Amino acid sequence: MTRRLLHTIFVSATLALPLAGHAAEQLNVLCASDNEWCELMRNTFQKETGIEVSMVRKSAGEIFAQIRAEAANPKTDIWWAGTGDPHLQAANAGFTEVYQSPQLPKLHAWAQEQARISGYRTVGIYMGLLGIGYNPEVLQAKKLAPPKCWSDLLKPEFAGEIQIPNPNSSGTAYTAMATFVQLYGGENEGFAYMKSLGNNVSQYTKSGSAPAKALARGETGIGVTFLHDLLKETMAGMPVEVLAPCEGTGFEIGSMSIVKGARNLANAKKFYEFALRADVQSLGIKANALQVPSNASAEIPPKAPRPENVKLINYDFAKYGADDVRKRLLKRWDEEIFAAQRK
């Protein structure tokens, strides 16, 4: 082999390698919304920026557990969507970065307040309202009258007819647990309600939206989850009726956080700003996302449940977003509620 041929092979091989410092830009995202909305966000951001996005969908409680477990060596850059309580709990534990977006003044007051009470370690991106759904076909077949209130769910005729998520994995269920504690006047009263409710629960689901999907399939008569998840099934033509309970209900402020020690911090901030834009939040309807967007200029989906039309409790996000409160409530739920079902 001649020297000239060797030189040609060496140069060709060198040119085939990526140049140092010119590797494809990347971003690692954990998404706690429905797959359809997660994919819409990933694809839109990737197309606009050219940044390669690796996105995994999990429930909010699972994401919080993963971020806690990886705190010493983070593998995630940004956590998008999911109920605000675990975002606040992650902020409280120091697992997320302080970042104040220049777009904060463009957001609704409730989204700005979410950022403020977290020490600007998270921010509100949408609002969702907790409620009850039922399958009229299932209830009619069993000659059961539909519920109207939280208290109705305790009726003995609903034994085995209710699905509600598990608060260890589901942010939706943590919102429900915190709602019952606040609605009924205290922790003991809230747990007494959940214990009675447990007599009628057939399954504590892993995912917050699972009860809505089970209703659509006719696998259960009643489900507790967010109204927007229930309405999504209704819009798809499924036999699901939706109601806001008569006593009042809690709500979520879906949030977004940058993970402390993010390896792709600059790209995480780009996604953060992207996700707060009015035009991006207005895209949610393309994924049948019926939450109320946090940007005041974003388009609200026509069928989105409006907070002004529902009786809402004065949800204490600061208290129930504290990590020590979460740990105590989950421990008590495991011991008093979940353990009783397994006997």
Protein backbone atom coordinates (compact mmCIF):
# COMPACT_ATOMS: atom_id res chain seq x y z
CA MET A 1 0.00 0.00 0.00
CA THR A 2 1.48 3.33 -1.06
CA ARG A 3 2.01 6.30 1.29
CA ARG A 4 -0.39 8.40 -0.83
CA LEU A 5 -3.13 5.74 -0.52
CA LEU A 6 -2.66 5.54 3.26
CA HIS A 7 -2.93 9.32 3.49
CA THR A 8 -6.16 9.29 1.47
CA ILE A 9 -7.71 6.61 3.71
CA PHE A 10 -6.74 8.54 6.87
CA VAL A 11 -8.21 11.82 5.60
CA SER A 12 -11.45 10.14 4.48
CA ALA A 13 -11.89 8.41 7.83
CA THR A 14 -11.26 11.66 9.71
CA LEU A 15 -13.83 13.57 7.68
CA ALA A 16 -16.40 10.87 8.38
CA LEU A 17 -16.18 11.51 12.14
CA PRO A 18 -18.25 14.27 13.83
CA LEU A 19 -16.15 17.32 14.68
CA ALA A 20 -15.40 17.88 18.35
CA GLY A 21 -17.97 20.24 19.84
CA HIS A 22 -20.36 19.74 16.92
CA ALA A 23 -22.37 16.75 18.21
CA ALA A 24 -26.11 16.99 17.68
CA GLU A 25 -27.78 19.13 20.34
CA GLN A 26 -29.88 17.07 22.72
CA LEU A 27 -32.57 17.40 25.37
CA ASN A 28 -33.94 14.78 27.76
CA VAL A 29 -37.56 15.34 28.79
CA LEU A 30 -39.89 13.52 31.16
CA CYS A 31 -43.51 14.20 30.24
CA ALA A 32 -46.51 13.64 32.53
CA SER A 33 -49.28 14.47 30.07
CA ASP A 34 -51.03 12.12 27.65
CA ASN A 35 -48.83 10.57 24.97
CA GLU A 36 -50.51 12.57 22.22
CA TRP A 37 -49.66 15.93 23.80
CA CYS A 38 -46.17 14.78 24.78
CA GLU A 39 -45.43 13.79 21.19
CA LEU A 40 -46.88 17.04 19.83
CA MET A 41 -44.59 19.08 22.09
CA ARG A 42 -41.55 16.95 21.25
CA ASN A 43 -42.09 17.04 17.50
CA THR A 44 -42.92 20.76 17.35
CA PHE A 45 -39.90 21.78 19.44
CA GLN A 46 -37.58 19.46 17.54
CA LYS A 47 -38.74 20.80 14.18
CA GLU A 48 -38.43 24.43 15.28
CA THR A 49 -35.01 24.18 16.93
CA GLY A 50 -33.26 21.17 15.41
CA ILE A 51 -32.55 19.95 18.94
CA GLU A 52 -32.89 16.17 19.27
CA VAL A 53 -35.41 15.43 22.00
CA SER A 54 -35.54 12.18 23.95
CA MET A 55 -38.91 12.11 25.72
CA VAL A 56 -40.40 9.50 28.06
CA ARG A 57 -43.99 9.60 29.31
CA LYS A 58 -44.70 8.68 32.94
CA SER A 59 -47.15 9.66 35.68
CA ALA A 60 -46.14 12.64 37.80
CA GLY A 61 -45.54 10.59 40.93
CA GLU A 62 -43.29 8.20 39.02
CA ILE A 63 -41.32 11.12 37.58
CA PHE A 64 -40.80 12.63 41.01
CA ALA A 65 -39.55 9.26 42.29
CA GLN A 66 -37.13 9.00 39.34
CA ILE A 67 -35.79 12.52 39.81
CA ARG A 68 -35.29 11.86 43.51
CA ALA A 69 -33.47 8.60 42.77
CA GLU A 70 -31.22 10.25 40.15
CA ALA A 71 -30.50 13.41 42.14
CA ALA A 72 -26.79 12.64 42.49
CA ASN A 73 -26.46 11.96 38.75
CA PRO A 74 -29.38 13.52 36.84
CA LYS A 75 -30.31 11.96 33.50
CA THR A 76 -33.26 14.29 32.85
CA ASP A 77 -33.07 17.94 31.80
CA ILE A 78 -36.66 19.07 32.07
CA TRP A 79 -39.93 17.78 33.51
CA TRP A 80 -42.93 18.98 31.55
CA ALA A 81 -46.57 18.70 32.71
CA GLY A 82 -48.18 16.75 35.48
CA THR A 83 -49.86 18.02 38.62
CA GLY A 84 -48.14 20.87 40.41
CA ASP A 85 -47.91 19.25 43.85
CA PRO A 86 -45.02 16.89 43.01
CA HIS A 87 -43.29 19.71 41.11
CA LEU A 88 -43.51 21.81 44.28
CA GLN A 89 -42.32 18.86 46.35
CA ALA A 90 -39.30 18.43 44.05
CA ALA A 91 -38.62 22.16 44.38
CA ASN A 92 -38.96 21.92 48.16
CA ALA A 93 -36.40 19.11 48.20
CA GLY A 94 -33.97 21.08 46.00
CA PHE A 95 -34.18 18.76 42.99
CA THR A 96 -35.01 21.50 40.48
CA GLU A 97 -33.27 24.65 39.21
CA VAL A 98 -34.17 28.25 40.00
CA TYR A 99 -35.21 29.96 36.77
CA GLN A 100 -37.36 33.05 36.20
CA SER A 101 -38.72 33.29 32.68
CA PRO A 102 -39.06 36.74 31.12
CA GLN A 103 -42.52 35.53 30.06
CA LEU A 104 -43.82 35.29 33.66
CA PRO A 105 -45.81 38.57 33.43
CA LYS A 106 -47.71 37.10 30.47
CA LEU A 107 -49.08 34.23 32.58
CA HIS A 108 -52.26 34.04 34.63
CA ALA A 109 -51.88 34.96 38.31
CA TRP A 110 -52.27 31.34 39.42
CA ALA A 111 -49.34 30.28 37.22
CA GLN A 112 -47.18 33.11 38.53
CA GLU A 113 -48.10 32.19 42.11
CA GLN A 114 -46.99 28.62 41.46
CA ALA A 115 -43.58 29.97 40.46
CA ARG A 116 -43.40 32.31 43.44
CA ILE A 117 -44.20 29.75 46.15
CA SER A 118 -41.65 27.34 44.64
CA GLY A 119 -38.87 29.91 44.83
CA TYR A 120 -39.04 29.99 41.01
CA ARG A 121 -38.10 26.32 40.71
CA THR A 122 -41.30 25.50 38.81
CA VAL A 123 -44.02 27.35 36.89
CA GLY A 124 -47.68 26.76 36.03
CA ILE A 125 -48.42 25.74 32.44
CA TYR A 126 -52.12 24.81 32.67
CA MET A 127 -55.05 24.34 35.07
CA GLY A 128 -57.17 21.20 35.36
CA LEU A 129 -60.23 20.51 37.53
CA LEU A 130 -60.87 17.29 39.49
CA GLY A 131 -64.19 15.54 39.03
CA ILE A 132 -66.28 12.43 38.58
CA GLY A 133 -67.17 10.53 35.44
CA TYR A 134 -69.62 7.71 34.92
CA ASN A 135 -70.66 5.35 32.16
CA PRO A 136 -74.46 5.65 31.84
CA GLU A 137 -74.74 2.33 30.02
CA VAL A 138 -73.01 0.44 32.83
CA LEU A 139 -75.07 2.16 35.55
CA GLN A 140 -78.37 1.71 33.68
CA ALA A 141 -77.68 -2.00 33.20
CA LYS A 142 -77.29 -2.31 36.98
CA LYS A 143 -80.20 0.06 37.73
CA LEU A 144 -77.96 2.53 39.54
CA ALA A 145 -78.65 6.28 39.68
CA PRO A 146 -75.67 8.43 38.65
CA PRO A 147 -73.77 10.21 41.44
CA LYS A 148 -73.87 13.99 41.78
CA CYS A 149 -71.62 14.56 44.79
CA TRP A 150 -68.51 13.15 46.46
CA SER A 151 -70.77 11.84 49.24
CA ASP A 152 -72.75 9.78 46.72
CA LEU A 153 -69.66 7.68 46.03
CA LEU A 154 -70.01 6.16 49.52
CA LYS A 155 -73.40 4.59 48.78
CA PRO A 156 -73.26 0.79 49.27
CA GLU A 157 -74.81 0.17 45.85
CA PHE A 158 -71.61 1.45 44.25
CA ALA A 159 -69.52 -1.36 45.77
CA GLY A 160 -66.92 -2.46 43.21
CA GLU A 161 -68.01 0.20 40.71
CA ILE A 162 -65.36 2.88 41.29
CA GLN A 163 -61.84 3.36 39.96
CA ILE A 164 -59.52 6.03 41.31
CA PRO A 165 -55.73 6.36 40.85
CA ASN A 166 -53.04 5.47 43.38
CA PRO A 167 -51.37 8.60 44.87
CA ASN A 168 -47.97 6.90 45.04
CA SER A 169 -47.71 6.91 41.25
CA SER A 170 -50.36 9.40 40.17
CA GLY A 171 -50.32 13.15 40.66
CA THR A 172 -54.06 13.13 39.93
CA ALA A 173 -54.65 10.89 42.94
CA TYR A 174 -52.47 13.03 45.19
CA THR A 175 -54.61 16.02 44.18
CA ALA A 176 -57.71 13.99 45.05
CA MET A 177 -56.28 12.95 48.43
CA ALA A 178 -55.33 16.54 49.28
CA THR A 179 -58.76 17.68 48.08
CA PHE A 180 -60.60 15.30 50.42
CA VAL A 181 -58.45 16.37 53.38
CA GLN A 182 -59.21 20.04 52.70
CA LEU A 183 -62.85 19.59 51.67
CA TYR A 184 -63.82 17.61 54.78
CA GLY A 185 -62.10 19.91 57.24
CA GLY A 186 -58.95 18.06 58.23
CA GLU A 187 -56.68 15.09 57.78
CA ASN A 188 -58.63 12.68 59.99
CA GLU A 189 -61.92 13.61 58.33
CA GLY A 190 -60.45 13.29 54.84
CA PHE A 191 -59.00 9.87 55.60
CA ALA A 192 -62.30 8.73 57.10
CA TYR A 193 -63.95 9.62 53.78
CA MET A 194 -61.25 7.81 51.77
CA LYS A 195 -61.56 4.74 53.99
CA SER A 196 -65.31 4.58 53.34
CA LEU A 197 -64.72 5.24 49.64
CA GLY A 198 -62.26 2.36 49.58
CA ASN A 199 -65.13 -0.05 50.29
CA ASN A 200 -66.47 0.75 46.82
CA VAL A 201 -63.16 0.95 44.91
CA SER A 202 -62.46 -1.93 42.57
CA GLN A 203 -59.02 -0.71 41.52
CA TYR A 204 -56.46 1.96 42.42
CA THR A 205 -54.93 2.58 39.01
CA LYS A 206 -51.31 3.45 38.31
CA SER A 207 -52.13 6.26 35.89
CA GLY A 208 -54.30 9.30 36.62
CA SER A 209 -56.16 9.09 33.31
CA ALA A 210 -56.74 5.31 33.53
CA PRO A 211 -60.20 5.58 35.16
CA ALA A 212 -61.40 7.69 32.22
CA LYS A 213 -60.18 5.07 29.75
CA ALA A 214 -61.76 2.27 31.81
CA LEU A 215 -65.08 4.13 31.76
CA ALA A 216 -64.88 4.46 27.98
CA ARG A 217 -64.35 0.71 27.66
CA GLY A 218 -67.23 -0.08 30.01
CA GLU A 219 -64.91 -1.75 32.53
CA THR A 220 -66.18 0.34 35.44
CA GLY A 221 -69.24 2.41 36.23
CA ILE A 222 -67.60 5.40 37.95
CA GLY A 223 -64.16 7.00 37.76
CA VAL A 224 -62.44 9.79 39.66
CA THR A 225 -59.94 11.85 37.66
CA PHE A 226 -59.58 15.25 36.00
CA LEU A 227 -62.51 16.60 34.01
CA HIS A 228 -60.35 17.18 30.94
CA ASP A 229 -59.38 13.49 30.81
CA LEU A 230 -63.04 12.49 31.08
CA LEU A 231 -64.14 14.99 28.43
CA LYS A 232 -61.50 13.70 26.06
CA GLU A 233 -63.30 10.35 26.06
CA THR A 234 -66.68 12.06 25.61
CA MET A 235 -65.34 13.98 22.60
CA ALA A 236 -64.20 10.68 21.10
CA GLY A 237 -67.80 9.46 21.19
CA MET A 238 -67.40 7.19 24.21
CA PRO A 239 -70.32 6.71 26.67
CA VAL A 240 -68.84 8.90 29.43
CA GLU A 241 -70.75 11.56 31.38
CA VAL A 242 -68.85 14.19 33.36
CA LEU A 243 -69.71 16.17 36.49
CA ALA A 244 -68.18 18.54 39.01
CA PRO A 245 -69.20 17.30 42.51
CA CYS A 246 -71.83 19.36 44.34
CA GLU A 247 -69.69 19.97 47.46
CA GLY A 248 -66.90 21.58 45.44
CA THR A 249 -63.65 20.15 44.16
CA GLY A 250 -59.91 20.60 43.97
CA PHE A 251 -57.78 21.40 40.98
CA GLU A 252 -54.28 21.09 39.65
CA ILE A 253 -51.83 23.63 38.32
CA GLY A 254 -49.93 21.53 35.80
CA SER A 255 -46.31 22.61 35.96
CA MET A 256 -42.86 22.54 34.39
CA SER A 257 -39.45 22.31 36.06
CA ILE A 258 -35.80 22.24 35.03
CA VAL A 259 -33.93 19.46 36.82
CA LYS A 260 -31.08 20.49 39.11
CA GLY A 261 -27.78 19.61 37.44
CA ALA A 262 -29.33 19.24 33.98
CA ARG A 263 -26.65 18.20 31.48
CA ASN A 264 -28.30 20.20 28.69
CA LEU A 265 -29.24 23.28 30.69
CA ALA A 266 -29.21 25.76 27.81
CA ASN A 267 -31.54 23.55 25.77
CA ALA A 268 -33.77 23.01 28.80
CA LYS A 269 -34.23 26.77 29.07
CA LYS A 270 -35.06 26.93 25.36
CA PHE A 271 -37.78 24.32 25.85
CA TYR A 272 -39.03 26.15 28.96
CA GLU A 273 -39.49 29.38 27.00
CA PHE A 274 -41.01 27.48 24.08
CA ALA A 275 -43.58 25.82 26.35
CA LEU A 276 -44.70 29.13 27.89
CA ARG A 277 -45.43 30.82 24.56
CA ALA A 278 -49.08 31.54 23.77
CA ASP A 279 -48.88 30.03 20.29
CA VAL A 280 -47.38 26.79 21.63
CA GLN A 281 -49.91 26.46 24.44
CA SER A 282 -52.68 27.05 21.90
CA LEU A 283 -51.55 23.89 20.08
CA GLY A 284 -52.83 21.71 22.91
CA ILE A 285 -56.25 21.41 21.31
CA LYS A 286 -54.61 19.49 18.42
CA ALA A 287 -53.89 16.76 20.97
CA ASN A 288 -57.39 17.08 22.48
CA ALA A 289 -55.83 18.64 25.58
CA LEU A 290 -58.68 20.43 27.36
CA GLN A 291 -56.79 22.12 30.19
CA VAL A 292 -56.84 25.92 30.60
CA PRO A 293 -53.47 27.28 29.36
CA SER A 294 -51.35 29.42 31.70
CA ASN A 295 -50.43 32.06 29.12
CA ALA A 296 -53.21 34.64 29.26
CA SER A 297 -53.02 35.14 25.48
CA ALA A 298 -53.28 31.44 24.62
CA GLU A 299 -56.46 30.08 23.08
CA ILE A 300 -58.62 28.16 25.56
CA PRO A 301 -60.11 25.00 23.99
CA PRO A 302 -63.86 25.56 23.50
CA LYS A 303 -64.82 22.49 25.57
CA ALA A 304 -62.29 23.09 28.36
CA PRO A 305 -63.86 23.09 31.85
CA ARG A 306 -63.72 26.70 33.07
CA PRO A 307 -62.79 27.35 36.72
CA GLU A 308 -65.33 30.17 36.91
CA ASN A 309 -68.11 27.66 36.19
CA VAL A 310 -67.14 25.15 38.89
CA LYS A 311 -67.24 25.38 42.68
CA LEU A 312 -63.58 25.12 43.69
CA ILE A 313 -62.01 24.74 47.11
CA ASN A 314 -59.25 27.11 48.21
CA TYR A 315 -56.53 24.57 47.46
CA ASP A 316 -53.42 25.13 49.59
CA PHE A 317 -50.61 24.44 47.12
CA ALA A 318 -47.88 25.64 49.47
CA LYS A 319 -48.87 23.15 52.18
CA TYR A 320 -49.61 20.14 49.99
CA GLY A 321 -46.63 20.92 47.80
CA ALA A 322 -44.28 20.38 50.77
CA ASP A 323 -42.21 17.20 50.56
CA ASP A 324 -42.69 16.28 54.24
CA VAL A 325 -46.46 16.59 53.93
CA ARG A 326 -46.44 14.37 50.84
CA LYS A 327 -44.41 11.67 52.61
CA ARG A 328 -46.68 11.72 55.66
CA LEU A 329 -49.91 11.56 53.64
CA LEU A 330 -48.66 8.78 51.37
CA LYS A 331 -47.49 6.72 54.33
CA ARG A 332 -50.87 7.12 56.01
CA TRP A 333 -52.70 6.28 52.76
CA ASP A 334 -50.65 3.10 52.33
CA GLU A 335 -51.29 2.01 55.91
CA GLU A 336 -54.96 2.96 56.27
CA ILE A 337 -56.45 2.89 52.78
CA PHE A 338 -54.46 0.67 50.43
CA ALA A 339 -53.66 -1.97 53.05
CA ALA A 340 -57.37 -2.36 53.81
CA GLN A 341 -58.11 -3.22 50.17
CA ARG A 342 -55.43 -5.93 50.11
CA LYS A 343 -56.84 -7.78 53.13
